[in-house]
Amino acid sequence: MKILIADDEPDVQIILKKMLGVYGNCVVCSDGEETFNEFKKSLVNEDYFDLICLDISMPKLTGREALVKIRDAEKSHGITDGAKIIMITAHSNIDNFSSSFTEGCEAFLPKPFDREQLVNNLKILKLIE
């Protein structure tokens, strides 16, 4: 599996990379703009991400803004079954939750989370058995 991790907190980056690294190769980004640029590179190289973990509160582009740009880029490239996207945030209010699903994410993981919660989401998304 090819995984894109986007979070501006180094501790969360380390934790996610450790948890997800057993399932595939991880690329780590610190802001929404860097995340979208990595995603665009994967489109150009036709080496698509299977999973994207997006923190909602990031600099330059928020996770939700990056989510919209990612989904728009997939559509413009004719990709109908794109990357599975899990939104991750410490701000789990109903607005973030509902808007994220409307904008195209498949799962929502509130911080703090543990390995079991993350793995359950991967199973629900049929990324692992």
Protein backbone atom coordinates (compact mmCIF):
# COMPACT_ATOMS: atom_id res chain seq x y z
CA MET A 1 0.00 0.00 0.00
CA LYS A 2 1.20 3.54 -0.73
CA ILE A 3 0.30 5.92 2.11
CA LEU A 4 0.38 9.72 2.40
CA ILE A 5 0.46 11.10 5.94
CA ALA A 6 -0.30 14.80 6.38
CA ASP A 7 -0.01 16.34 9.83
CA ASP A 8 1.84 19.42 11.09
CA GLU A 9 2.62 17.81 14.47
CA PRO A 10 5.92 15.84 14.33
CA ASP A 11 4.80 13.49 17.13
CA VAL A 12 1.65 12.54 15.22
CA GLN A 13 3.69 12.05 12.04
CA ILE A 14 5.98 9.62 13.88
CA ILE A 15 3.07 7.73 15.44
CA LEU A 16 1.17 7.41 12.16
CA LYS A 17 4.27 6.35 10.25
CA LYS A 18 5.02 3.70 12.87
CA MET A 19 1.42 2.42 12.87
CA LEU A 20 0.98 2.48 9.09
CA GLY A 21 4.50 1.60 8.00
CA VAL A 22 3.79 -2.11 8.54
CA TYR A 23 1.14 -1.89 5.77
CA GLY A 24 3.16 -0.07 3.15
CA ASN A 25 5.39 2.81 2.15
CA CYS A 26 4.66 6.12 3.85
CA VAL A 27 5.27 9.63 2.58
CA VAL A 28 5.01 12.28 5.32
CA CYS A 29 4.04 15.93 4.79
CA SER A 30 3.80 18.82 7.25
CA ASP A 31 1.24 21.09 5.59
CA GLY A 32 -1.65 20.98 3.17
CA GLU A 33 0.21 22.54 0.26
CA GLU A 34 3.08 20.03 0.48
CA THR A 35 0.48 17.26 0.73
CA PHE A 36 -1.31 18.34 -2.42
CA ASN A 37 2.01 18.67 -4.27
CA GLU A 38 2.96 15.09 -3.29
CA PHE A 39 -0.46 13.94 -4.45
CA LYS A 40 -0.04 15.74 -7.81
CA LYS A 41 3.35 14.04 -8.28
CA SER A 42 1.69 10.67 -7.75
CA LEU A 43 -0.83 11.48 -10.49
CA VAL A 44 1.86 12.53 -12.95
CA ASN A 45 3.87 9.37 -12.22
CA GLU A 46 0.72 7.20 -12.19
CA ASP A 47 1.87 5.85 -8.82
CA TYR A 48 -1.30 6.53 -6.89
CA PHE A 49 -1.76 6.65 -3.14
CA ASP A 50 -4.03 3.99 -1.67
CA LEU A 51 -4.52 5.83 1.64
CA ILE A 52 -4.26 9.46 2.68
CA CYS A 53 -4.43 10.52 6.34
CA LEU A 54 -5.21 14.24 6.49
CA ASP A 55 -5.09 16.38 9.60
CA ILE A 56 -7.80 19.03 9.36
CA SER A 57 -5.77 21.82 11.03
CA MET A 58 -2.64 22.37 8.96
CA PRO A 59 -0.85 25.46 7.66
CA LYS A 60 -0.91 26.74 4.06
CA LEU A 61 -3.92 24.57 3.11
CA THR A 62 -6.19 23.02 5.71
CA GLY A 63 -6.87 19.32 5.48
CA ARG A 64 -10.36 20.03 4.19
CA GLU A 65 -9.00 22.35 1.50
CA ALA A 66 -6.44 19.70 0.51
CA LEU A 67 -9.23 17.10 0.46
CA VAL A 68 -11.28 19.14 -2.02
CA LYS A 69 -8.23 19.76 -4.24
CA ILE A 70 -7.31 16.06 -4.17
CA ARG A 71 -10.82 14.96 -5.14
CA ASP A 72 -10.96 17.59 -7.90
CA ALA A 73 -7.58 16.44 -9.26
CA GLU A 74 -8.75 12.82 -9.27
CA LYS A 75 -11.86 13.78 -11.23
CA SER A 76 -9.85 15.80 -13.77
CA HIS A 77 -7.62 12.73 -14.31
CA GLY A 78 -10.62 10.43 -14.77
CA ILE A 79 -10.02 8.57 -11.51
CA THR A 80 -13.36 7.34 -10.18
CA ASP A 81 -12.11 5.09 -7.38
CA GLY A 82 -9.47 7.29 -5.79
CA ALA A 83 -7.46 7.14 -2.62
CA LYS A 84 -9.21 6.32 0.63
CA ILE A 85 -9.00 9.39 2.84
CA ILE A 86 -9.15 9.44 6.64
CA MET A 87 -9.54 12.87 8.21
CA ILE A 88 -7.73 13.16 11.54
CA THR A 89 -8.34 15.99 13.97
CA ALA A 90 -8.42 17.10 17.57
CA HIS A 91 -11.41 19.30 16.64
CA SER A 92 -14.12 16.69 16.24
CA ASN A 93 -17.12 18.98 16.13
CA ILE A 94 -20.11 18.04 14.02
CA ASP A 95 -19.30 20.68 11.39
CA ASN A 96 -15.84 19.22 10.68
CA PHE A 97 -17.29 15.73 10.69
CA SER A 98 -20.16 16.29 8.28
CA SER A 99 -18.27 18.67 5.98
CA SER A 100 -15.38 16.22 5.63
CA PHE A 101 -17.70 13.47 4.44
CA THR A 102 -19.50 15.85 2.09
CA GLU A 103 -16.12 16.87 0.63
CA GLY A 104 -15.14 13.25 -0.04
CA CYS A 105 -13.44 11.54 2.88
CA GLU A 106 -14.29 7.95 3.78
CA ALA A 107 -13.43 8.01 7.50
CA PHE A 108 -12.98 10.40 10.39
CA LEU A 109 -10.59 9.70 13.28
CA PRO A 110 -10.61 12.04 16.29
CA LYS A 111 -7.37 12.66 18.20
CA PRO A 112 -6.18 11.15 20.41
CA PHE A 113 -6.55 7.78 18.69
CA ASP A 114 -4.93 4.41 19.24
CA ARG A 115 -3.68 1.68 16.94
CA GLU A 116 -6.89 -0.35 17.27
CA GLN A 117 -9.05 2.57 16.10
CA LEU A 118 -6.79 3.19 13.12
CA VAL A 119 -6.66 -0.50 12.17
CA ASN A 120 -10.47 -0.75 12.44
CA ASN A 121 -10.76 2.11 9.96
CA LEU A 122 -8.37 0.35 7.57
CA LYS A 123 -10.48 -2.79 7.80
CA ILE A 124 -13.73 -0.88 7.24
CA LEU A 125 -12.17 0.75 4.17
CA LYS A 126 -11.10 -2.73 2.99
CA LEU A 127 -7.44 -1.71 2.84
CA ILE A 128 -6.45 -4.62 5.10
CA GLU A 129 -8.14 -7.83 6.27
